C-alpha cells in the first residue's frame, strides 16, 4: 500500500524553465559559449554538473565553474522565474486529505526549492523537502531518494515517485519504487516510454487516478 508520494520539482510541481535556462545561458556566456535558449531544454531535470559535461564536453573543473556562474544569476533572480503548474496544488491537497505523506525529491538545491515554495505560499503542502546541497552534495536522483527514505517511516515498497524525466523513473527503479511520469513537464520525445515508465499522466489531475484509483 502506498503511504508516501515523492514529487520531483522542476517540470512536475513548477515550470522553472525560464529561470533555469536563462541562468544556464548566462553561465555559458561567461564560459565563452553563445547558445540559443531553445537548445537548453536538456538542462531541465538532470544535475547541472553532469549536463555541462555531457553537452559541452567540460571537464569537472570547468563544469564546477559553470555551475558557479549559473548561481550568480539564479540565486538573486532566476529562482523567482517560475510558476506552479495549473492544478498541481489541488492534487497535492487532495492527496494530503487522503492521508498520504508528501515529499519533494529533487536534484535542485533544497534551499531554492524551499524558497520557491515559500514565495508561492505552498510550503505547508509538503512534509519534507529532499534536495541537493548548495555544496554539491546529493545531486543524483538516487541520492535524493535515499535521503527521503532515511527521513520517512515508509519503506520503498510504500512509496511512489512522480516526475517528468527519465532520471526520475530510473532513480526510483533503483529502489524498487514505481514512477508516474508526467507528460506536461520537460520530457523529450518518448523518453518516458523508452525508460520503461508504465504510468504516464498527461495532466496533474491524472496523477490522482494512478495513485488513488
N, C-alpha and C. Protein backbone atom coordinates (compact mmCIF):
# COMPACT_ATOMS: atom_id res chain seq x y z
N UNK A 1 0.84 -1.20 0.00
CA UNK A 1 0.00 0.00 0.00
C UNK A 1 0.88 1.25 0.00
N UNK A 2 0.55 2.21 -0.85
CA UNK A 2 1.31 3.44 -0.95
C UNK A 2 0.96 4.37 0.22
N UNK A 3 1.99 4.81 0.92
CA UNK A 3 1.82 5.77 2.02
C UNK A 3 2.47 7.11 1.73
N UNK A 4 3.53 7.10 0.90
CA UNK A 4 4.33 8.31 0.66
C UNK A 4 4.47 8.56 -0.84
N UNK A 5 4.22 9.82 -1.24
CA UNK A 5 4.36 10.22 -2.64
C UNK A 5 5.55 11.17 -2.75
N UNK A 6 6.52 10.78 -3.58
CA UNK A 6 7.69 11.60 -3.84
C UNK A 6 7.45 12.41 -5.12
N UNK A 7 7.52 13.71 -5.01
CA UNK A 7 7.33 14.58 -6.17
C UNK A 7 8.65 15.20 -6.60
N UNK A 8 9.01 15.02 -7.87
CA UNK A 8 10.05 15.84 -8.46
C UNK A 8 9.57 17.30 -8.43
N UNK A 9 10.49 18.23 -8.62
CA UNK A 9 10.13 19.66 -8.52
C UNK A 9 10.03 20.31 -9.89
N UNK A 10 11.18 20.50 -10.56
CA UNK A 10 11.18 21.14 -11.88
C UNK A 10 10.47 20.25 -12.88
N UNK A 11 9.47 20.80 -13.55
CA UNK A 11 8.76 20.03 -14.57
C UNK A 11 7.66 19.15 -14.03
N UNK A 12 7.45 19.15 -12.71
CA UNK A 12 6.42 18.32 -12.10
C UNK A 12 5.50 19.16 -11.20
N UNK A 13 6.11 19.93 -10.31
CA UNK A 13 5.34 20.86 -9.48
C UNK A 13 5.38 22.26 -10.08
N UNK A 14 6.56 22.68 -10.52
CA UNK A 14 6.76 24.02 -11.07
C UNK A 14 7.33 23.98 -12.47
N UNK A 15 6.87 24.92 -13.30
CA UNK A 15 7.52 25.20 -14.57
C UNK A 15 8.63 26.20 -14.28
N UNK A 16 9.85 25.71 -14.16
CA UNK A 16 11.01 26.53 -13.80
C UNK A 16 11.89 26.83 -15.01
N UNK A 17 11.36 26.60 -16.19
CA UNK A 17 12.14 26.67 -17.42
C UNK A 17 12.85 28.01 -17.58
N UNK A 18 12.13 29.11 -17.42
CA UNK A 18 12.71 30.43 -17.70
C UNK A 18 13.93 30.70 -16.83
N UNK A 19 13.78 30.52 -15.53
CA UNK A 19 14.87 30.85 -14.63
C UNK A 19 16.08 29.96 -14.81
N UNK A 20 15.85 28.67 -14.99
CA UNK A 20 16.97 27.73 -15.14
C UNK A 20 17.70 27.97 -16.45
N UNK A 21 16.95 28.04 -17.54
CA UNK A 21 17.60 28.13 -18.85
C UNK A 21 18.27 29.48 -19.08
N UNK A 22 17.69 30.56 -18.58
CA UNK A 22 18.36 31.85 -18.70
C UNK A 22 19.65 31.86 -17.88
N UNK A 23 19.64 31.18 -16.75
CA UNK A 23 20.84 31.13 -15.91
C UNK A 23 21.90 30.23 -16.53
N UNK A 24 21.50 29.15 -17.20
CA UNK A 24 22.45 28.32 -17.94
C UNK A 24 23.06 29.13 -19.09
N UNK A 25 22.20 29.86 -19.80
CA UNK A 25 22.66 30.70 -20.90
C UNK A 25 23.68 31.74 -20.41
N UNK A 26 23.41 32.33 -19.26
CA UNK A 26 24.31 33.29 -18.63
C UNK A 26 25.65 32.64 -18.31
N UNK A 27 25.60 31.43 -17.73
CA UNK A 27 26.83 30.72 -17.38
C UNK A 27 27.64 30.39 -18.62
N UNK A 28 27.00 29.92 -19.66
CA UNK A 28 27.70 29.58 -20.89
C UNK A 28 28.37 30.80 -21.51
N UNK A 29 27.66 31.93 -21.47
CA UNK A 29 28.23 33.17 -21.99
C UNK A 29 29.54 33.50 -21.27
N UNK A 30 29.55 33.33 -19.95
CA UNK A 30 30.76 33.62 -19.18
C UNK A 30 31.86 32.59 -19.44
N UNK A 31 31.46 31.43 -19.96
CA UNK A 31 32.44 30.40 -20.34
C UNK A 31 32.87 30.55 -21.80
N UNK A 32 32.37 31.60 -22.48
CA UNK A 32 32.75 31.84 -23.86
C UNK A 32 31.91 31.14 -24.89
N UNK A 33 30.73 30.66 -24.50
CA UNK A 33 29.85 29.93 -25.41
C UNK A 33 28.52 30.67 -25.53
N UNK A 34 28.12 30.96 -26.78
CA UNK A 34 26.81 31.57 -27.02
C UNK A 34 25.85 30.48 -27.48
N UNK A 35 24.76 30.30 -26.75
CA UNK A 35 23.83 29.21 -27.04
C UNK A 35 22.41 29.75 -27.08
N UNK A 36 21.63 29.28 -28.05
CA UNK A 36 20.24 29.69 -28.17
C UNK A 36 19.42 29.10 -27.03
N UNK A 37 18.47 29.87 -26.54
CA UNK A 37 17.63 29.47 -25.42
C UNK A 37 16.97 28.13 -25.68
N UNK A 38 16.46 27.94 -26.89
CA UNK A 38 15.69 26.74 -27.19
C UNK A 38 16.54 25.47 -27.23
N UNK A 39 17.86 25.60 -27.18
CA UNK A 39 18.74 24.43 -27.18
C UNK A 39 19.10 23.97 -25.78
N UNK A 40 18.47 24.55 -24.76
CA UNK A 40 18.88 24.27 -23.39
C UNK A 40 17.86 23.50 -22.58
N UNK A 41 16.83 22.95 -23.25
CA UNK A 41 15.82 22.18 -22.51
C UNK A 41 16.42 20.94 -21.84
N UNK A 42 17.54 20.46 -22.36
CA UNK A 42 18.16 19.28 -21.77
C UNK A 42 18.63 19.52 -20.34
N UNK A 43 18.75 20.79 -19.95
CA UNK A 43 19.18 21.11 -18.58
C UNK A 43 18.04 21.02 -17.57
N UNK A 44 16.83 20.79 -18.06
CA UNK A 44 15.69 20.71 -17.16
C UNK A 44 15.57 19.28 -16.61
N UNK A 45 16.07 19.08 -15.41
CA UNK A 45 15.94 17.77 -14.78
C UNK A 45 17.23 17.20 -14.23
N UNK A 46 18.24 16.99 -15.08
CA UNK A 46 19.46 16.34 -14.57
C UNK A 46 20.32 17.30 -13.75
N UNK A 47 21.27 16.78 -12.98
CA UNK A 47 22.22 17.65 -12.27
C UNK A 47 22.98 18.53 -13.26
N UNK A 48 23.20 19.79 -12.88
CA UNK A 48 23.84 20.74 -13.78
C UNK A 48 25.24 20.31 -14.18
N UNK A 49 26.04 19.86 -13.20
CA UNK A 49 27.42 19.47 -13.50
C UNK A 49 27.44 18.40 -14.58
N UNK A 50 26.61 17.39 -14.42
CA UNK A 50 26.58 16.28 -15.38
C UNK A 50 26.19 16.77 -16.77
N UNK A 51 25.22 17.68 -16.86
CA UNK A 51 24.77 18.14 -18.17
C UNK A 51 25.77 19.06 -18.84
N UNK A 52 26.45 19.92 -18.06
CA UNK A 52 27.51 20.75 -18.65
C UNK A 52 28.62 19.86 -19.24
N UNK A 53 28.93 18.77 -18.55
CA UNK A 53 29.98 17.88 -19.03
C UNK A 53 29.50 17.10 -20.26
N UNK A 54 28.26 16.62 -20.22
CA UNK A 54 27.74 15.81 -21.32
C UNK A 54 27.56 16.62 -22.59
N UNK A 55 26.95 17.81 -22.47
CA UNK A 55 26.59 18.57 -23.67
C UNK A 55 27.76 19.37 -24.25
N UNK A 56 28.64 19.85 -23.37
CA UNK A 56 29.71 20.73 -23.86
C UNK A 56 31.11 20.16 -23.67
N UNK A 57 31.20 18.95 -23.17
CA UNK A 57 32.49 18.32 -23.02
C UNK A 57 33.37 18.95 -21.95
N UNK A 58 32.77 19.64 -21.00
CA UNK A 58 33.55 20.26 -19.93
C UNK A 58 34.17 19.17 -19.05
N UNK A 59 35.36 19.44 -18.55
CA UNK A 59 35.90 18.57 -17.50
C UNK A 59 35.26 18.97 -16.18
N UNK A 60 35.57 18.26 -15.11
CA UNK A 60 34.87 18.50 -13.84
C UNK A 60 35.12 19.91 -13.31
N UNK A 61 36.35 20.43 -13.50
CA UNK A 61 36.65 21.78 -13.03
C UNK A 61 35.88 22.83 -13.81
N UNK A 62 35.79 22.65 -15.13
CA UNK A 62 35.03 23.58 -15.96
C UNK A 62 33.55 23.53 -15.62
N UNK A 63 33.04 22.33 -15.39
CA UNK A 63 31.62 22.18 -15.06
C UNK A 63 31.31 22.85 -13.72
N UNK A 64 32.20 22.67 -12.75
CA UNK A 64 32.01 23.33 -11.45
C UNK A 64 32.01 24.85 -11.60
N UNK A 65 32.89 25.38 -12.45
CA UNK A 65 32.94 26.83 -12.68
C UNK A 65 31.65 27.30 -13.36
N UNK A 66 31.13 26.50 -14.31
CA UNK A 66 29.88 26.85 -14.98
C UNK A 66 28.73 26.91 -13.98
N UNK A 67 28.71 25.98 -13.03
CA UNK A 67 27.66 25.99 -12.01
C UNK A 67 27.79 27.23 -11.12
N UNK A 68 29.02 27.63 -10.81
CA UNK A 68 29.22 28.88 -10.06
C UNK A 68 28.63 30.07 -10.80
N UNK A 69 28.89 30.14 -12.11
CA UNK A 69 28.33 31.23 -12.92
C UNK A 69 26.81 31.14 -12.96
N UNK A 70 26.29 29.93 -13.09
CA UNK A 70 24.84 29.72 -13.06
C UNK A 70 24.23 30.33 -11.80
N UNK A 71 24.86 30.06 -10.66
CA UNK A 71 24.32 30.55 -9.39
C UNK A 71 24.41 32.07 -9.28
N UNK A 72 25.35 32.69 -9.99
CA UNK A 72 25.46 34.14 -9.98
C UNK A 72 24.16 34.81 -10.44
N UNK A 73 23.50 34.17 -11.39
CA UNK A 73 22.22 34.72 -11.86
C UNK A 73 21.03 34.09 -11.16
N UNK A 74 21.11 32.77 -10.94
CA UNK A 74 19.95 32.07 -10.39
C UNK A 74 19.65 32.49 -8.95
N UNK A 75 20.68 32.66 -8.14
CA UNK A 75 20.46 32.97 -6.72
C UNK A 75 19.70 34.27 -6.49
N UNK A 76 20.04 35.37 -7.19
CA UNK A 76 19.30 36.60 -6.94
C UNK A 76 18.03 36.75 -7.76
N UNK A 77 17.97 36.12 -8.94
CA UNK A 77 16.89 36.40 -9.89
C UNK A 77 16.17 35.14 -10.36
N UNK A 78 16.95 34.17 -10.81
CA UNK A 78 16.38 33.04 -11.56
C UNK A 78 15.37 32.20 -10.81
N UNK A 79 15.57 32.02 -9.50
CA UNK A 79 14.67 31.13 -8.77
C UNK A 79 13.24 31.64 -8.74
N UNK A 80 13.05 32.96 -8.92
CA UNK A 80 11.69 33.52 -8.93
C UNK A 80 11.02 33.39 -10.29
N UNK A 81 11.78 33.06 -11.33
CA UNK A 81 11.25 33.00 -12.68
C UNK A 81 10.63 31.62 -12.93
N UNK A 82 9.52 31.37 -12.27
CA UNK A 82 8.85 30.08 -12.37
C UNK A 82 7.40 30.25 -11.98
N UNK A 83 6.62 29.22 -12.22
CA UNK A 83 5.21 29.25 -11.84
C UNK A 83 4.72 27.82 -11.60
N UNK A 84 3.85 27.60 -10.62
CA UNK A 84 3.33 26.24 -10.41
C UNK A 84 2.40 25.84 -11.56
N UNK A 85 2.43 24.57 -11.90
CA UNK A 85 1.52 24.08 -12.94
C UNK A 85 0.07 24.16 -12.46
N UNK A 86 -0.80 24.53 -13.37
CA UNK A 86 -2.23 24.62 -13.04
C UNK A 86 -2.74 23.29 -12.50
N UNK A 87 -3.35 23.34 -11.34
CA UNK A 87 -3.98 22.16 -10.76
C UNK A 87 -3.11 21.33 -9.86
N UNK A 88 -1.78 21.54 -9.87
CA UNK A 88 -0.92 20.65 -9.09
C UNK A 88 -1.11 20.85 -7.58
N UNK A 89 -1.33 22.09 -7.14
CA UNK A 89 -1.53 22.33 -5.71
C UNK A 89 -2.79 21.63 -5.22
N UNK A 90 -3.85 21.65 -6.02
CA UNK A 90 -5.09 20.97 -5.64
C UNK A 90 -4.89 19.46 -5.58
N UNK A 91 -4.11 18.92 -6.50
CA UNK A 91 -3.81 17.49 -6.48
C UNK A 91 -3.11 17.12 -5.18
N UNK A 92 -2.11 17.91 -4.80
CA UNK A 92 -1.36 17.62 -3.58
C UNK A 92 -2.24 17.78 -2.35
N UNK A 93 -3.09 18.79 -2.33
CA UNK A 93 -4.02 18.96 -1.20
C UNK A 93 -4.95 17.75 -1.07
N UNK A 94 -5.41 17.25 -2.21
CA UNK A 94 -6.30 16.07 -2.18
C UNK A 94 -5.57 14.86 -1.63
N UNK A 95 -4.34 14.66 -2.06
CA UNK A 95 -3.56 13.53 -1.55
C UNK A 95 -3.33 13.66 -0.05
N UNK A 96 -3.02 14.86 0.40
CA UNK A 96 -2.83 15.07 1.84
C UNK A 96 -4.11 14.78 2.61
N UNK A 97 -5.24 15.19 2.05
CA UNK A 97 -6.52 14.97 2.73
C UNK A 97 -6.85 13.48 2.84
N UNK A 98 -6.26 12.68 1.97
CA UNK A 98 -6.46 11.23 1.99
C UNK A 98 -5.41 10.51 2.85
N UNK A 99 -4.54 11.31 3.47
CA UNK A 99 -3.59 10.73 4.41
C UNK A 99 -2.22 10.39 3.87
N UNK A 100 -1.94 10.74 2.63
CA UNK A 100 -0.62 10.44 2.07
C UNK A 100 0.43 11.41 2.61
N UNK A 101 1.62 10.89 2.85
CA UNK A 101 2.77 11.73 3.17
C UNK A 101 3.34 12.26 1.86
N UNK A 102 3.61 13.58 1.80
CA UNK A 102 4.03 14.21 0.55
C UNK A 102 5.44 14.76 0.71
N UNK A 103 6.34 14.31 -0.17
CA UNK A 103 7.75 14.67 -0.08
C UNK A 103 8.24 15.19 -1.43
N UNK A 104 9.01 16.27 -1.41
CA UNK A 104 9.72 16.71 -2.61
C UNK A 104 11.02 15.94 -2.71
N UNK A 105 11.31 15.38 -3.89
CA UNK A 105 12.57 14.68 -4.15
C UNK A 105 13.16 15.27 -5.43
N UNK A 106 14.13 16.16 -5.27
CA UNK A 106 14.61 16.95 -6.40
C UNK A 106 16.12 17.08 -6.39
N UNK A 107 16.70 17.19 -7.59
CA UNK A 107 18.12 17.48 -7.71
C UNK A 107 18.41 18.97 -7.58
N UNK A 108 17.36 19.78 -7.50
CA UNK A 108 17.51 21.21 -7.22
C UNK A 108 17.98 21.37 -5.77
N UNK A 109 18.85 22.34 -5.48
CA UNK A 109 19.22 22.55 -4.08
C UNK A 109 18.00 22.75 -3.18
N UNK A 110 18.03 22.11 -2.03
CA UNK A 110 16.92 22.22 -1.07
C UNK A 110 16.61 23.68 -0.76
N UNK A 111 17.64 24.49 -0.64
CA UNK A 111 17.46 25.91 -0.31
C UNK A 111 16.52 26.59 -1.30
N UNK A 112 16.78 26.38 -2.61
CA UNK A 112 15.96 27.07 -3.61
C UNK A 112 14.56 26.46 -3.71
N UNK A 113 14.45 25.14 -3.55
CA UNK A 113 13.11 24.54 -3.54
C UNK A 113 12.28 25.13 -2.41
N UNK A 114 12.87 25.26 -1.23
CA UNK A 114 12.14 25.85 -0.10
C UNK A 114 11.79 27.31 -0.33
N UNK A 115 12.72 28.07 -0.92
CA UNK A 115 12.45 29.48 -1.20
C UNK A 115 11.28 29.65 -2.17
N UNK A 116 11.25 28.81 -3.20
CA UNK A 116 10.15 28.88 -4.18
C UNK A 116 8.83 28.51 -3.53
N UNK A 117 8.82 27.44 -2.73
CA UNK A 117 7.59 27.03 -2.06
C UNK A 117 7.08 28.13 -1.13
N UNK A 118 7.98 28.79 -0.40
CA UNK A 118 7.58 29.89 0.47
C UNK A 118 7.05 31.06 -0.34
N UNK A 119 7.72 31.38 -1.45
CA UNK A 119 7.34 32.50 -2.31
C UNK A 119 5.91 32.33 -2.81
N UNK A 120 5.54 31.08 -3.12
CA UNK A 120 4.19 30.80 -3.62
C UNK A 120 3.25 30.29 -2.53
N UNK A 121 3.68 30.41 -1.27
CA UNK A 121 2.88 30.01 -0.11
C UNK A 121 2.39 28.56 -0.24
N UNK A 122 3.30 27.68 -0.64
CA UNK A 122 2.99 26.27 -0.82
C UNK A 122 3.79 25.37 0.12
N UNK A 123 4.58 25.97 1.02
CA UNK A 123 5.45 25.15 1.86
C UNK A 123 4.68 24.20 2.77
N UNK A 124 3.47 24.57 3.16
CA UNK A 124 2.68 23.72 4.06
C UNK A 124 2.09 22.49 3.38
N UNK A 125 2.24 22.40 2.05
CA UNK A 125 1.72 21.24 1.33
C UNK A 125 2.64 20.03 1.43
N UNK A 126 3.85 20.23 1.93
CA UNK A 126 4.85 19.16 1.90
C UNK A 126 5.35 18.84 3.30
N UNK A 127 5.53 17.54 3.53
CA UNK A 127 6.03 17.09 4.82
C UNK A 127 7.55 17.18 4.92
N UNK A 128 8.22 17.11 3.77
CA UNK A 128 9.68 17.12 3.78
C UNK A 128 10.16 17.49 2.38
N UNK A 129 11.30 18.19 2.32
CA UNK A 129 11.93 18.52 1.04
C UNK A 129 13.31 17.88 1.02
N UNK A 130 13.50 16.91 0.14
CA UNK A 130 14.79 16.26 -0.06
C UNK A 130 15.38 16.77 -1.35
N UNK A 131 16.45 17.57 -1.24
CA UNK A 131 17.08 18.13 -2.43
C UNK A 131 18.58 18.08 -2.31
N UNK A 132 19.24 18.72 -3.26
CA UNK A 132 20.70 18.77 -3.27
C UNK A 132 21.19 19.80 -2.26
N UNK A 133 22.44 19.66 -1.87
CA UNK A 133 23.07 20.67 -1.03
C UNK A 133 23.71 21.73 -1.90
N UNK A 134 23.83 22.94 -1.39
CA UNK A 134 24.47 24.01 -2.14
C UNK A 134 25.95 23.73 -2.37
N UNK A 135 26.51 22.82 -1.58
CA UNK A 135 27.92 22.45 -1.73
C UNK A 135 28.15 21.30 -2.69
N UNK A 136 27.08 20.89 -3.39
CA UNK A 136 27.22 19.81 -4.36
C UNK A 136 26.86 18.43 -3.85
N UNK A 137 26.45 18.34 -2.59
CA UNK A 137 26.03 17.05 -2.05
C UNK A 137 24.67 16.65 -2.63
N UNK A 138 24.42 15.34 -2.71
CA UNK A 138 23.12 14.79 -3.08
C UNK A 138 22.60 15.37 -4.40
N UNK A 139 23.36 15.23 -5.45
CA UNK A 139 22.91 15.77 -6.73
C UNK A 139 22.14 14.76 -7.57
N UNK A 140 22.39 13.46 -7.40
CA UNK A 140 21.71 12.46 -8.22
C UNK A 140 20.33 12.15 -7.63
N UNK A 141 19.45 11.67 -8.50
CA UNK A 141 18.11 11.31 -8.03
C UNK A 141 18.17 10.17 -7.02
N UNK A 142 19.11 9.25 -7.22
CA UNK A 142 19.26 8.15 -6.26
C UNK A 142 19.61 8.68 -4.87
N UNK A 143 20.53 9.63 -4.80
CA UNK A 143 20.92 10.20 -3.51
C UNK A 143 19.78 10.95 -2.86
N UNK A 144 19.01 11.64 -3.67
CA UNK A 144 17.86 12.40 -3.16
C UNK A 144 16.79 11.45 -2.60
N UNK A 145 16.52 10.37 -3.34
CA UNK A 145 15.52 9.40 -2.87
C UNK A 145 16.01 8.69 -1.61
N UNK A 146 17.30 8.36 -1.56
CA UNK A 146 17.83 7.73 -0.35
C UNK A 146 17.65 8.66 0.86
N UNK A 147 17.87 9.94 0.67
CA UNK A 147 17.69 10.92 1.75
C UNK A 147 16.24 10.94 2.21
N UNK A 148 15.31 10.87 1.26
CA UNK A 148 13.89 10.82 1.61
C UNK A 148 13.56 9.54 2.38
N UNK A 149 14.13 8.42 1.94
CA UNK A 149 13.92 7.15 2.64
C UNK A 149 14.48 7.20 4.06
N UNK A 150 15.63 7.83 4.22
CA UNK A 150 16.23 7.94 5.55
C UNK A 150 15.35 8.77 6.49
N UNK A 151 14.66 9.75 5.92
CA UNK A 151 13.79 10.63 6.74
C UNK A 151 12.45 9.96 7.06
N UNK A 152 11.86 9.29 6.08
CA UNK A 152 10.49 8.80 6.20
C UNK A 152 10.40 7.49 6.99
N UNK A 153 9.25 7.28 7.60
CA UNK A 153 8.95 5.99 8.23
C UNK A 153 8.51 4.95 7.20
N UNK A 154 8.17 5.41 6.00
CA UNK A 154 7.78 4.48 4.94
C UNK A 154 9.02 3.81 4.36
N UNK A 155 8.85 2.57 3.89
CA UNK A 155 9.94 1.94 3.15
C UNK A 155 9.67 2.08 1.65
N UNK A 156 10.58 1.62 0.83
CA UNK A 156 10.47 1.82 -0.61
C UNK A 156 9.20 1.21 -1.19
N UNK A 157 8.75 0.09 -0.64
CA UNK A 157 7.55 -0.57 -1.14
C UNK A 157 6.29 0.25 -0.89
N UNK A 158 6.39 1.23 0.01
CA UNK A 158 5.24 2.07 0.35
C UNK A 158 5.32 3.45 -0.29
N UNK A 159 6.22 3.61 -1.27
CA UNK A 159 6.42 4.90 -1.93
C UNK A 159 6.11 4.81 -3.41
N UNK A 160 5.79 5.96 -3.98
CA UNK A 160 5.69 6.10 -5.43
C UNK A 160 6.31 7.44 -5.80
N UNK A 161 7.00 7.48 -6.93
CA UNK A 161 7.64 8.69 -7.42
C UNK A 161 6.79 9.32 -8.51
N UNK A 162 6.76 10.65 -8.56
CA UNK A 162 6.10 11.37 -9.64
C UNK A 162 7.12 12.32 -10.24
N UNK A 163 7.40 12.17 -11.54
CA UNK A 163 8.41 13.03 -12.16
C UNK A 163 8.27 13.06 -13.67
N UNK A 164 8.98 14.01 -14.27
CA UNK A 164 8.81 14.25 -15.70
C UNK A 164 9.95 13.74 -16.58
N UNK A 165 11.06 13.31 -15.97
CA UNK A 165 12.22 12.92 -16.77
C UNK A 165 12.64 11.48 -16.50
N UNK A 166 13.46 10.94 -17.38
CA UNK A 166 13.96 9.57 -17.22
C UNK A 166 14.74 9.42 -15.92
N UNK A 167 15.36 10.50 -15.46
CA UNK A 167 16.14 10.44 -14.23
C UNK A 167 15.25 10.08 -13.03
N UNK A 168 14.00 10.54 -13.07
CA UNK A 168 13.06 10.20 -12.00
C UNK A 168 12.67 8.73 -12.07
N UNK A 169 12.37 8.26 -13.27
CA UNK A 169 11.96 6.87 -13.46
C UNK A 169 13.09 5.91 -13.07
N UNK A 170 14.28 6.17 -13.59
CA UNK A 170 15.41 5.28 -13.35
C UNK A 170 15.91 5.37 -11.91
N UNK A 171 15.89 6.57 -11.35
CA UNK A 171 16.31 6.73 -9.96
C UNK A 171 15.41 5.98 -9.02
N UNK A 172 14.09 6.09 -9.24
CA UNK A 172 13.14 5.37 -8.40
C UNK A 172 13.28 3.87 -8.58
N UNK A 173 13.51 3.43 -9.82
CA UNK A 173 13.61 1.99 -10.10
C UNK A 173 14.75 1.35 -9.32
N UNK A 174 15.81 2.09 -9.09
CA UNK A 174 16.95 1.54 -8.35
C UNK A 174 16.57 1.12 -6.94
N UNK A 175 15.46 1.67 -6.43
CA UNK A 175 14.98 1.31 -5.09
C UNK A 175 13.74 0.43 -5.14
N UNK A 176 13.35 0.03 -6.35
CA UNK A 176 12.12 -0.76 -6.49
C UNK A 176 10.87 0.07 -6.34
N UNK A 177 10.96 1.37 -6.59
CA UNK A 177 9.82 2.28 -6.47
C UNK A 177 9.25 2.54 -7.86
N UNK A 178 7.94 2.40 -8.03
CA UNK A 178 7.28 2.74 -9.29
C UNK A 178 7.28 4.25 -9.48
N UNK A 179 7.18 4.66 -10.74
CA UNK A 179 7.17 6.10 -11.05
C UNK A 179 6.03 6.42 -11.99
N UNK A 180 5.32 7.49 -11.66
CA UNK A 180 4.33 8.08 -12.57
C UNK A 180 5.05 9.17 -13.36
N UNK A 181 5.14 9.00 -14.67
CA UNK A 181 5.74 10.03 -15.50
C UNK A 181 4.71 11.07 -15.87
N UNK A 182 5.09 12.34 -15.86
CA UNK A 182 4.15 13.39 -16.24
C UNK A 182 4.56 13.98 -17.58
N UNK A 183 3.63 13.96 -18.50
CA UNK A 183 3.90 14.40 -19.87
C UNK A 183 3.98 15.92 -19.96
N UNK A 184 3.35 16.62 -19.04
CA UNK A 184 3.28 18.08 -19.15
C UNK A 184 4.59 18.77 -18.79
N UNK A 185 5.58 18.02 -18.31
CA UNK A 185 6.85 18.61 -17.90
C UNK A 185 7.85 18.73 -19.05
N UNK A 186 9.11 18.35 -18.78
CA UNK A 186 10.19 18.62 -19.72
C UNK A 186 10.74 17.36 -20.37
N UNK A 187 9.99 16.28 -20.38
CA UNK A 187 10.48 15.07 -21.04
C UNK A 187 10.67 15.33 -22.53
N UNK A 188 11.65 14.66 -23.11
CA UNK A 188 11.99 14.84 -24.51
C UNK A 188 11.45 13.65 -25.32
N UNK A 189 10.55 13.93 -26.25
CA UNK A 189 10.02 12.88 -27.10
C UNK A 189 9.36 11.78 -26.29
N UNK A 190 9.78 10.52 -26.56
CA UNK A 190 9.19 9.38 -25.87
C UNK A 190 10.12 8.84 -24.79
N UNK A 191 10.91 9.72 -24.14
CA UNK A 191 11.89 9.24 -23.18
C UNK A 191 11.26 8.49 -22.02
N UNK A 192 10.04 8.86 -21.62
CA UNK A 192 9.39 8.16 -20.51
C UNK A 192 9.09 6.72 -20.90
N UNK A 193 8.57 6.53 -22.10
CA UNK A 193 8.30 5.17 -22.57
C UNK A 193 9.60 4.39 -22.77
N UNK A 194 10.61 5.05 -23.29
CA UNK A 194 11.88 4.38 -23.58
C UNK A 194 12.55 3.85 -22.31
N UNK A 195 12.33 4.52 -21.19
CA UNK A 195 12.96 4.03 -19.95
C UNK A 195 12.01 3.13 -19.16
N UNK A 196 10.89 2.74 -19.78
CA UNK A 196 10.02 1.74 -19.19
C UNK A 196 8.95 2.26 -18.26
N UNK A 197 8.67 3.55 -18.32
CA UNK A 197 7.60 4.09 -17.46
C UNK A 197 6.25 3.56 -17.93
N UNK A 198 5.51 2.94 -17.01
CA UNK A 198 4.24 2.30 -17.37
C UNK A 198 3.03 3.17 -17.08
N UNK A 199 3.21 4.22 -16.27
CA UNK A 199 2.11 5.11 -15.91
C UNK A 199 2.50 6.53 -16.32
N UNK A 200 1.75 7.11 -17.25
CA UNK A 200 2.06 8.45 -17.74
C UNK A 200 0.83 9.34 -17.62
N UNK A 201 0.97 10.42 -16.87
CA UNK A 201 -0.13 11.37 -16.66
C UNK A 201 0.03 12.53 -17.62
N UNK A 202 -1.01 12.82 -18.35
CA UNK A 202 -0.97 13.95 -19.28
C UNK A 202 -1.22 15.27 -18.55
N UNK A 203 -1.90 15.21 -17.42
CA UNK A 203 -2.24 16.40 -16.64
C UNK A 203 -1.99 16.11 -15.17
N UNK A 204 -1.87 17.15 -14.34
CA UNK A 204 -1.74 16.91 -12.90
C UNK A 204 -2.88 16.08 -12.33
N UNK A 205 -4.08 16.33 -12.81
CA UNK A 205 -5.24 15.61 -12.27
C UNK A 205 -5.14 14.10 -12.48
N UNK A 206 -4.49 13.67 -13.55
CA UNK A 206 -4.37 12.23 -13.81
C UNK A 206 -3.43 11.54 -12.83
N UNK A 207 -2.58 12.31 -12.13
CA UNK A 207 -1.74 11.72 -11.10
C UNK A 207 -2.62 11.08 -10.05
N UNK A 208 -3.70 11.74 -9.68
CA UNK A 208 -4.62 11.19 -8.67
C UNK A 208 -5.18 9.84 -9.09
N UNK A 209 -5.51 9.72 -10.36
CA UNK A 209 -6.10 8.47 -10.84
C UNK A 209 -5.15 7.30 -10.64
N UNK A 210 -3.88 7.50 -10.94
CA UNK A 210 -2.90 6.43 -10.78
C UNK A 210 -2.66 6.09 -9.31
N UNK A 211 -2.70 7.09 -8.43
CA UNK A 211 -2.38 6.83 -7.03
C UNK A 211 -3.58 6.31 -6.24
N UNK A 212 -4.74 6.91 -6.46
CA UNK A 212 -5.90 6.59 -5.64
C UNK A 212 -6.92 5.70 -6.36
N UNK A 213 -6.74 5.55 -7.68
CA UNK A 213 -7.70 4.73 -8.42
C UNK A 213 -9.02 5.42 -8.67
